[in-house]
Amino acid sequence: MFFYVFVANKTMKEANKIKRTAIDIVISTRNKDIRKETNALALQLCHEEIQIVAGGFFVIDYPLLFEMMAACSTYIVITIQFIDVNL
C-alpha cells in the first residue's frame, strides 16, 4: 500500500510541475498559435490542482495512508481489549 501512495504522491508532484513549464513556454515562444494554446493550458493548470482520486471518493496521498494506519491501530487496540476481557 505504501508503494501505491508513494507513486501517486510522486506523480501528483511531477504533474503539478508542468504548470511552470507551460508558463515558461508561453513566455519564450514567438508563435502566436502556440502561445495561445499554451496560455490556455497554463491557465487551466493553474486553476486546477492535479490529484489522483480513487473512484471519485478520496485522494490517494500520504494523509490517506496515515488515516488507514490509525484505523487499523484502533481496531487492533479494541480487539486486544476484548481478548483480555474474555480471558
PDB file of N, CA and C in Angstrom:
ATOM      1  N   MET A   1       0.824  -1.193   0.000  1.00  0.00           N
ATOM      2  CA  MET A   1       0.000   0.000   0.000  1.00  0.00           C
ATOM      3  C   MET A   1       0.870   1.259   0.000  1.00  0.00           C
ATOM      4  N   PHE A   2       1.961   1.194   0.773  1.00  0.00           N
ATOM      5  CA  PHE A   2       2.849   2.350   0.834  1.00  0.00           C
ATOM      6  C   PHE A   2       3.402   2.679  -0.549  1.00  0.00           C
ATOM      7  N   PHE A   3       3.716   1.646  -1.318  1.00  0.00           N
ATOM      8  CA  PHE A   3       4.270   1.866  -2.655  1.00  0.00           C
ATOM      9  C   PHE A   3       3.285   2.624  -3.541  1.00  0.00           C
ATOM     10  N   TYR A   4       2.010   2.236  -3.496  1.00  0.00           N
ATOM     11  CA  TYR A   4       0.999   2.908  -4.318  1.00  0.00           C
ATOM     12  C   TYR A   4       0.839   4.373  -3.920  1.00  0.00           C
ATOM     13  N   VAL A   5       0.841   4.624  -2.623  1.00  0.00           N
ATOM     14  CA  VAL A   5       0.710   6.002  -2.145  1.00  0.00           C
ATOM     15  C   VAL A   5       1.939   6.810  -2.535  1.00  0.00           C
ATOM     16  N   PHE A   6       3.109   6.204  -2.417  1.00  0.00           N
ATOM     17  CA  PHE A   6       4.350   6.889  -2.784  1.00  0.00           C
ATOM     18  C   PHE A   6       4.342   7.256  -4.267  1.00  0.00           C
ATOM     19  N   VAL A   7       3.972   6.302  -5.108  1.00  0.00           N
ATOM     20  CA  VAL A   7       3.946   6.552  -6.552  1.00  0.00           C
ATOM     21  C   VAL A   7       2.896   7.610  -6.900  1.00  0.00           C
ATOM     22  N   ALA A   8       1.729   7.533  -6.288  1.00  0.00           N
ATOM     23  CA  ALA A   8       0.675   8.514  -6.559  1.00  0.00           C
ATOM     24  C   ALA A   8       1.118   9.911  -6.140  1.00  0.00           C
ATOM     25  N   ASN A   9       1.742  10.012  -4.984  1.00  0.00           N
ATOM     26  CA  ASN A   9       2.200  11.314  -4.497  1.00  0.00           C
ATOM     27  C   ASN A   9       3.293  11.882  -5.400  1.00  0.00           C
ATOM     28  N   LYS A  10       4.229  11.054  -5.795  1.00  0.00           N
ATOM     29  CA  LYS A  10       5.309  11.493  -6.683  1.00  0.00           C
ATOM     30  C   LYS A  10       4.748  11.928  -8.041  1.00  0.00           C
ATOM     31  N   THR A  11       3.781  11.185  -8.546  1.00  0.00           N
ATOM     32  CA  THR A  11       3.160  11.523  -9.829  1.00  0.00           C
ATOM     33  C   THR A  11       2.428  12.853  -9.749  1.00  0.00           C
ATOM     34  N   MET A  12       1.711  13.087  -8.650  1.00  0.00           N
ATOM     35  CA  MET A  12       0.999  14.357  -8.490  1.00  0.00           C
ATOM     36  C   MET A  12       1.973  15.527  -8.425  1.00  0.00           C
ATOM     37  N   LYS A  13       3.086  15.345  -7.727  1.00  0.00           N
ATOM     38  CA  LYS A  13       4.077  16.423  -7.642  1.00  0.00           C
ATOM     39  C   LYS A  13       4.667  16.737  -9.013  1.00  0.00           C
ATOM     40  N   GLU A  14       5.007  15.695  -9.758  1.00  0.00           N
ATOM     41  CA  GLU A  14       5.580  15.912 -11.088  1.00  0.00           C
ATOM     42  C   GLU A  14       4.556  16.537 -12.035  1.00  0.00           C
ATOM     43  N   ALA A  15       3.318  16.105 -11.937  1.00  0.00           N
ATOM     44  CA  ALA A  15       2.274  16.660 -12.804  1.00  0.00           C
ATOM     45  C   ALA A  15       2.038  18.132 -12.494  1.00  0.00           C
ATOM     46  N   ASN A  16       2.141  18.502 -11.241  1.00  0.00           N
ATOM     47  CA  ASN A  16       1.941  19.901 -10.880  1.00  0.00           C
ATOM     48  C   ASN A  16       3.129  20.778 -11.274  1.00  0.00           C
ATOM     49  N   LYS A  17       4.284  20.173 -11.546  1.00  0.00           N
ATOM     50  CA  LYS A  17       5.431  20.944 -12.030  1.00  0.00           C
ATOM     51  C   LYS A  17       5.234  21.394 -13.474  1.00  0.00           C
ATOM     52  N   ILE A  18       4.314  20.756 -14.176  1.00  0.00           N
ATOM     53  CA  ILE A  18       4.054  21.105 -15.571  1.00  0.00           C
ATOM     54  C   ILE A  18       3.538  22.535 -15.675  1.00  0.00           C
ATOM     55  N   LYS A  19       2.918  23.021 -14.614  1.00  0.00           N
ATOM     56  CA  LYS A  19       2.398  24.390 -14.620  1.00  0.00           C
ATOM     57  C   LYS A  19       3.507  25.383 -14.964  1.00  0.00           C
ATOM     58  N   ARG A  20       4.614  25.244 -14.284  1.00  0.00           N
ATOM     59  CA  ARG A  20       5.728  26.170 -14.502  1.00  0.00           C
ATOM     60  C   ARG A  20       6.291  26.017 -15.914  1.00  0.00           C
ATOM     61  N   THR A  21       6.362  24.794 -16.397  1.00  0.00           N
ATOM     62  CA  THR A  21       6.866  24.552 -17.743  1.00  0.00           C
ATOM     63  C   THR A  21       5.962  25.195 -18.792  1.00  0.00           C
ATOM     64  N   ALA A  22       4.659  25.076 -18.611  1.00  0.00           N
ATOM     65  CA  ALA A  22       3.718  25.683 -19.562  1.00  0.00           C
ATOM     66  C   ALA A  22       3.854  27.202 -19.561  1.00  0.00           C
ATOM     67  N   ILE A  23       4.033  27.778 -18.396  1.00  0.00           N
ATOM     68  CA  ILE A  23       4.210  29.234 -18.312  1.00  0.00           C
ATOM     69  C   ILE A  23       5.510  29.655 -18.990  1.00  0.00           C
ATOM     70  N   ASP A  24       6.571  28.870 -18.809  1.00  0.00           N
ATOM     71  CA  ASP A  24       7.843  29.173 -19.469  1.00  0.00           C
ATOM     72  C   ASP A  24       7.709  29.113 -20.989  1.00  0.00           C
ATOM     73  N   ILE A  25       6.924  28.166 -21.485  1.00  0.00           N
ATOM     74  CA  ILE A  25       6.713  28.065 -22.933  1.00  0.00           C
ATOM     75  C   ILE A  25       5.955  29.287 -23.442  1.00  0.00           C
ATOM     76  N   VAL A  26       4.958  29.717 -22.689  1.00  0.00           N
ATOM     77  CA  VAL A  26       4.191  30.909 -23.087  1.00  0.00           C
ATOM     78  C   VAL A  26       5.111  32.118 -23.175  1.00  0.00           C
ATOM     79  N   ILE A  27       6.001  32.241 -22.216  1.00  0.00           N
ATOM     80  CA  ILE A  27       6.902  33.393 -22.182  1.00  0.00           C
ATOM     81  C   ILE A  27       7.927  33.335 -23.315  1.00  0.00           C
ATOM     82  N   SER A  28       8.440  32.151 -23.602  1.00  0.00           N
ATOM     83  CA  SER A  28       9.569  32.055 -24.529  1.00  0.00           C
ATOM     84  C   SER A  28       9.187  31.920 -26.000  1.00  0.00           C
ATOM     85  N   THR A  29       7.973  31.516 -26.312  1.00  0.00           N
ATOM     86  CA  THR A  29       7.628  31.282 -27.717  1.00  0.00           C
ATOM     87  C   THR A  29       7.226  32.576 -28.424  1.00  0.00           C
ATOM     88  N   ARG A  30       7.467  32.584 -29.726  1.00  0.00           N
ATOM     89  CA  ARG A  30       7.112  33.747 -30.536  1.00  0.00           C
ATOM     90  C   ARG A  30       5.908  33.456 -31.440  1.00  0.00           C
ATOM     91  N   ASN A  31       5.603  32.190 -31.627  1.00  0.00           N
ATOM     92  CA  ASN A  31       4.486  31.801 -32.482  1.00  0.00           C
ATOM     93  C   ASN A  31       3.168  32.089 -31.756  1.00  0.00           C
ATOM     94  N   LYS A  32       2.291  32.846 -32.403  1.00  0.00           N
ATOM     95  CA  LYS A  32       1.040  33.257 -31.757  1.00  0.00           C
ATOM     96  C   LYS A  32       0.113  32.080 -31.476  1.00  0.00           C
ATOM     97  N   ASP A  33       0.055  31.127 -32.401  1.00  0.00           N
ATOM     98  CA  ASP A  33      -0.833  29.979 -32.207  1.00  0.00           C
ATOM     99  C   ASP A  33      -0.373  29.116 -31.029  1.00  0.00           C
ATOM    100  N   ILE A  34       0.920  28.864 -30.978  1.00  0.00           N
ATOM    101  CA  ILE A  34       1.458  28.067 -29.867  1.00  0.00           C
ATOM    102  C   ILE A  34       1.294  28.823 -28.558  1.00  0.00           C
ATOM    103  N   ARG A  35       1.539  30.107 -28.584  1.00  0.00           N
ATOM    104  CA  ARG A  35       1.390  30.919 -27.374  1.00  0.00           C
ATOM    105  C   ARG A  35      -0.059  30.895 -26.879  1.00  0.00           C
ATOM    106  N   LYS A  36      -1.003  30.984 -27.810  1.00  0.00           N
ATOM    107  CA  LYS A  36      -2.413  30.979 -27.438  1.00  0.00           C
ATOM    108  C   LYS A  36      -2.804  29.644 -26.795  1.00  0.00           C
ATOM    109  N   GLU A  37      -2.377  28.545 -27.398  1.00  0.00           N
ATOM    110  CA  GLU A  37      -2.720  27.217 -26.872  1.00  0.00           C
ATOM    111  C   GLU A  37      -2.044  26.946 -25.530  1.00  0.00           C
ATOM    112  N   THR A  38      -0.763  27.274 -25.426  1.00  0.00           N
ATOM    113  CA  THR A  38      -0.069  27.030 -24.159  1.00  0.00           C
ATOM    114  C   THR A  38      -0.557  27.969 -23.064  1.00  0.00           C
ATOM    115  N   ASN A  39      -0.989  29.154 -23.443  1.00  0.00           N
ATOM    116  CA  ASN A  39      -1.556  30.069 -22.454  1.00  0.00           C
ATOM    117  C   ASN A  39      -2.858  29.498 -21.891  1.00  0.00           C
ATOM    118  N   ALA A  40      -3.683  28.934 -22.767  1.00  0.00           N
ATOM    119  CA  ALA A  40      -4.929  28.309 -22.307  1.00  0.00           C
ATOM    120  C   ALA A  40      -4.624  27.120 -21.397  1.00  0.00           C
ATOM    121  N   LEU A  41      -3.623  26.326 -21.773  1.00  0.00           N
ATOM    122  CA  LEU A  41      -3.226  25.186 -20.944  1.00  0.00           C
ATOM    123  C   LEU A  41      -2.691  25.651 -19.593  1.00  0.00           C
ATOM    124  N   ALA A  42      -1.851  26.669 -19.611  1.00  0.00           N
ATOM    125  CA  ALA A  42      -1.275  27.185 -18.367  1.00  0.00           C
ATOM    126  C   ALA A  42      -2.359  27.728 -17.440  1.00  0.00           C
ATOM    127  N   LEU A  43      -3.326  28.428 -17.999  1.00  0.00           N
ATOM    128  CA  LEU A  43      -4.422  28.951 -17.175  1.00  0.00           C
ATOM    129  C   LEU A  43      -5.243  27.821 -16.561  1.00  0.00           C
ATOM    130  N   GLN A  44      -5.517  26.807 -17.358  1.00  0.00           N
ATOM    131  CA  GLN A  44      -6.289  25.676 -16.844  1.00  0.00           C
ATOM    132  C   GLN A  44      -5.515  24.946 -15.751  1.00  0.00           C
ATOM    133  N   LEU A  45      -4.229  24.739 -15.957  1.00  0.00           N
ATOM    134  CA  LEU A  45      -3.418  24.039 -14.963  1.00  0.00           C
ATOM    135  C   LEU A  45      -3.271  24.843 -13.674  1.00  0.00           C
ATOM    136  N   CYS A  46      -3.192  26.156 -13.800  1.00  0.00           N
ATOM    137  CA  CYS A  46      -3.030  26.987 -12.604  1.00  0.00           C
ATOM    138  C   CYS A  46      -4.295  27.018 -11.750  1.00  0.00           C
ATOM    139  N   HIS A  47      -5.436  26.808 -12.370  1.00  0.00           N
ATOM    140  CA  HIS A  47      -6.687  26.867 -11.620  1.00  0.00           C
ATOM    141  C   HIS A  47      -7.126  25.518 -11.062  1.00  0.00           C
ATOM    142  N   GLU A  48      -6.473  24.446 -11.481  1.00  0.00           N
ATOM    143  CA  GLU A  48      -6.860  23.121 -11.012  1.00  0.00           C
ATOM    144  C   GLU A  48      -5.646  22.390 -10.462  1.00  0.00           C
ATOM    145  N   GLU A  49      -5.809  21.829  -9.286  1.00  0.00           N
ATOM    146  CA  GLU A  49      -4.765  21.006  -8.676  1.00  0.00           C
ATOM    147  C   GLU A  49      -4.893  19.590  -9.239  1.00  0.00           C
ATOM    148  N   ILE A  50      -3.806  19.046  -9.724  1.00  0.00           N
ATOM    149  CA  ILE A  50      -3.833  17.698 -10.281  1.00  0.00           C
ATOM    150  C   ILE A  50      -3.730  16.705  -9.130  1.00  0.00           C
ATOM    151  N   GLN A  51      -4.728  15.826  -9.035  1.00  0.00           N
ATOM    152  CA  GLN A  51      -4.772  14.840  -7.961  1.00  0.00           C
ATOM    153  C   GLN A  51      -5.148  13.478  -8.523  1.00  0.00           C
ATOM    154  N   ILE A  52      -4.691  12.438  -7.850  1.00  0.00           N
ATOM    155  CA  ILE A  52      -5.081  11.076  -8.201  1.00  0.00           C
ATOM    156  C   ILE A  52      -6.159  10.664  -7.210  1.00  0.00           C
ATOM    157  N   VAL A  53      -7.341  10.382  -7.743  1.00  0.00           N
ATOM    158  CA  VAL A  53      -8.508  10.111  -6.910  1.00  0.00           C
ATOM    159  C   VAL A  53      -8.982   8.685  -7.163  1.00  0.00           C
ATOM    160  N   ALA A  54      -9.352   7.997  -6.093  1.00  0.00           N
ATOM    161  CA  ALA A  54      -9.846   6.624  -6.195  1.00  0.00           C
ATOM    162  C   ALA A  54     -11.360   6.640  -6.334  1.00  0.00           C
ATOM    163  N   GLY A  55     -11.829   6.434  -7.531  1.00  0.00           N
ATOM    164  CA  GLY A  55     -13.258   6.335  -7.779  1.00  0.00           C
ATOM    165  C   GLY A  55     -14.041   7.598  -7.466  1.00  0.00           C
ATOM    166  N   GLY A  56     -13.373   8.724  -7.398  1.00  0.00           N
ATOM    167  CA  GLY A  56     -14.055   9.965  -7.083  1.00  0.00           C
ATOM    168  C   GLY A  56     -14.382  10.124  -5.605  1.00  0.00           C
ATOM    169  N   PHE A  57     -13.890   9.223  -4.764  1.00  0.00           N
ATOM    170  CA  PHE A  57     -14.222   9.266  -3.341  1.00  0.00           C
ATOM    171  C   PHE A  57     -13.151   9.948  -2.495  1.00  0.00           C
ATOM    172  N   PHE A  58     -11.889   9.619  -2.727  1.00  0.00           N
ATOM    173  CA  PHE A  58     -10.836  10.184  -1.894  1.00  0.00           C
ATOM    174  C   PHE A  58      -9.531  10.262  -2.680  1.00  0.00           C
ATOM    175  N   VAL A  59      -8.700  11.203  -2.275  1.00  0.00           N
ATOM    176  CA  VAL A  59      -7.404  11.413  -2.917  1.00  0.00           C
ATOM    177  C   VAL A  59      -6.412  10.411  -2.344  1.00  0.00           C
ATOM    178  N   ILE A  60      -5.629   9.808  -3.219  1.00  0.00           N
ATOM    179  CA  ILE A  60      -4.608   8.864  -2.770  1.00  0.00           C
ATOM    180  C   ILE A  60      -3.339   9.663  -2.490  1.00  0.00           C
ATOM    181  N   ASP A  61      -3.055   9.856  -1.188  1.00  0.00           N
ATOM    182  CA  ASP A  61      -1.868  10.585  -0.777  1.00  0.00           C
ATOM    183  C   ASP A  61      -1.462  10.130   0.621  1.00  0.00           C
ATOM    184  N   TYR A  62      -0.439  10.766   1.170  1.00  0.00           N
ATOM    185  CA  TYR A  62       0.078  10.341   2.470  1.00  0.00           C
ATOM    186  C   TYR A  62      -0.933  10.465   3.612  1.00  0.00           C
ATOM    187  N   PRO A  63      -1.735  11.518   3.678  1.00  0.00           N
ATOM    188  CA  PRO A  63      -2.743  11.546   4.755  1.00  0.00           C
ATOM    189  C   PRO A  63      -3.695  10.348   4.715  1.00  0.00           C
ATOM    190  N   LEU A  64      -4.017   9.861   3.532  1.00  0.00           N
ATOM    191  CA  LEU A  64      -4.854   8.661   3.428  1.00  0.00           C
ATOM    192  C   LEU A  64      -4.147   7.472   4.066  1.00  0.00           C
ATOM    193  N   LEU A  65      -2.863   7.325   3.797  1.00  0.00           N
ATOM    194  CA  LEU A  65      -2.094   6.221   4.377  1.00  0.00           C
ATOM    195  C   LEU A  65      -2.085   6.314   5.900  1.00  0.00           C
ATOM    196  N   PHE A  66      -1.887   7.509   6.432  1.00  0.00           N
ATOM    197  CA  PHE A  66      -1.875   7.681   7.886  1.00  0.00           C
ATOM    198  C   PHE A  66      -3.252   7.407   8.493  1.00  0.00           C
ATOM    199  N   GLU A  67      -4.304   7.805   7.801  1.00  0.00           N
ATOM    200  CA  GLU A  67      -5.655   7.526   8.294  1.00  0.00           C
ATOM    201  C   GLU A  67      -5.926   6.031   8.327  1.00  0.00           C
ATOM    202  N   MET A  68      -5.461   5.319   7.310  1.00  0.00           N
ATOM    203  CA  MET A  68      -5.650   3.870   7.286  1.00  0.00           C
ATOM    204  C   MET A  68      -4.861   3.195   8.407  1.00  0.00           C
ATOM    205  N   MET A  69      -3.651   3.670   8.637  1.00  0.00           N
ATOM    206  CA  MET A  69      -2.846   3.104   9.722  1.00  0.00           C
ATOM    207  C   MET A  69      -3.492   3.384  11.076  1.00  0.00           C
ATOM    208  N   ALA A  70      -4.043   4.574  11.244  1.00  0.00           N
ATOM    209  CA  ALA A  70      -4.705   4.920  12.501  1.00  0.00           C
ATOM    210  C   ALA A  70      -5.940   4.057  12.716  1.00  0.00           C
ATOM    211  N   ALA A  71      -6.698   3.828  11.663  1.00  0.00           N
ATOM    212  CA  ALA A  71      -7.892   2.987  11.784  1.00  0.00           C
ATOM    213  C   ALA A  71      -7.509   1.556  12.140  1.00  0.00           C
ATOM    214  N   CYS A  72      -6.484   1.026  11.493  1.00  0.00           N
ATOM    215  CA  CYS A  72      -6.033  -0.337  11.809  1.00  0.00           C
ATOM    216  C   CYS A  72      -5.532  -0.429  13.244  1.00  0.00           C
ATOM    217  N   SER A  73      -4.782   0.563  13.673  1.00  0.00           N
ATOM    218  CA  SER A  73      -4.280   0.565  15.051  1.00  0.00           C
ATOM    219  C   SER A  73      -5.428   0.603  16.052  1.00  0.00           C
ATOM    220  N   THR A  74      -6.430   1.399  15.777  1.00  0.00           N
ATOM    221  CA  THR A  74      -7.587   1.483  16.666  1.00  0.00           C
ATOM    222  C   THR A  74      -8.303   0.144  16.757  1.00  0.00           C
ATOM    223  N   TYR A  75      -8.510  -0.499  15.617  1.00  0.00           N
ATOM    224  CA  TYR A  75      -9.180  -1.803  15.622  1.00  0.00           C
ATOM    225  C   TYR A  75      -8.353  -2.852  16.354  1.00  0.00           C
ATOM    226  N   ILE A  76      -7.047  -2.794  16.214  1.00  0.00           N
ATOM    227  CA  ILE A  76      -6.189  -3.750  16.924  1.00  0.00           C
ATOM    228  C   ILE A  76      -6.284  -3.536  18.431  1.00  0.00           C
ATOM    229  N   VAL A  77      -6.263  -2.284  18.865  1.00  0.00           N
ATOM    230  CA  VAL A  77      -6.371  -1.992  20.300  1.00  0.00           C
ATOM    231  C   VAL A  77      -7.714  -2.474  20.844  1.00  0.00           C
ATOM    232  N   ILE A  78      -8.778  -2.223  20.121  1.00  0.00           N
ATOM    233  CA  ILE A  78     -10.105  -2.667  20.565  1.00  0.00           C
ATOM    234  C   ILE A  78     -10.165  -4.190  20.624  1.00  0.00           C
ATOM    235  N   THR A  79      -9.595  -4.852  19.633  1.00  0.00           N
ATOM    236  CA  THR A  79      -9.585  -6.315  19.619  1.00  0.00           C
ATOM    237  C   THR A  79      -8.796  -6.863  20.800  1.00  0.00           C
ATOM    238  N   ILE A  80      -7.668  -6.266  21.097  1.00  0.00           N
ATOM    239  CA  ILE A  80      -6.859  -6.712  22.243  1.00  0.00           C
ATOM    240  C   ILE A  80      -7.631  -6.524  23.544  1.00  0.00           C
ATOM    241  N   GLN A  81      -8.374  -5.446  23.664  1.00  0.00           N
ATOM    242  CA  GLN A  81      -9.165  -5.224  24.870  1.00  0.00           C
ATOM    243  C   GLN A  81     -10.249  -6.283  25.020  1.00  0.00           C
ATOM    244  N   PHE A  82     -10.886  -6.671  23.928  1.00  0.00           N
ATOM    245  CA  PHE A  82     -11.911  -7.712  24.007  1.00  0.00           C
ATOM    246  C   PHE A  82     -11.301  -9.069  24.323  1.00  0.00           C
ATOM    247  N   ILE A  83     -10.116  -9.329  23.818  1.00  0.00           N
ATOM    248  CA  ILE A  83      -9.449 -10.597  24.119  1.00  0.00           C
ATOM    249  C   ILE A  83      -9.113 -10.660  25.603  1.00  0.00           C
ATOM    250  N   ASP A  84      -8.636  -9.567  26.187  1.00  0.00           N
ATOM    251  CA  ASP A  84      -8.306  -9.536  27.609  1.00  0.00           C
ATOM    252  C   ASP A  84      -9.545  -9.730  28.481  1.00  0.00           C
ATOM    253  N   VAL A  85     -10.679  -9.205  28.070  1.00  0.00           N
ATOM    254  CA  VAL A  85     -11.913  -9.332  28.848  1.00  0.00           C
ATOM    255  C   VAL A  85     -12.392 -10.775  28.852  1.00  0.00           C
ATOM    256  N   ASN A  86     -12.270 -11.460  27.746  1.00  0.00           N
ATOM    257  CA  ASN A  86     -12.760 -12.833  27.636  1.00  0.00           C
ATOM    258  C   ASN A  86     -11.860 -13.846  28.324  1.00  0.00           C
ATOM    259  N   LEU A  87     -10.636 -13.519  28.598  1.00  0.00           N
ATOM    260  CA  LEU A  87      -9.741 -14.469  29.264  1.00  0.00           C
ATOM    261  C   LEU A  87      -9.935 -14.343  30.723  1.00  0.00           C
TER     262      LEU A  87
END
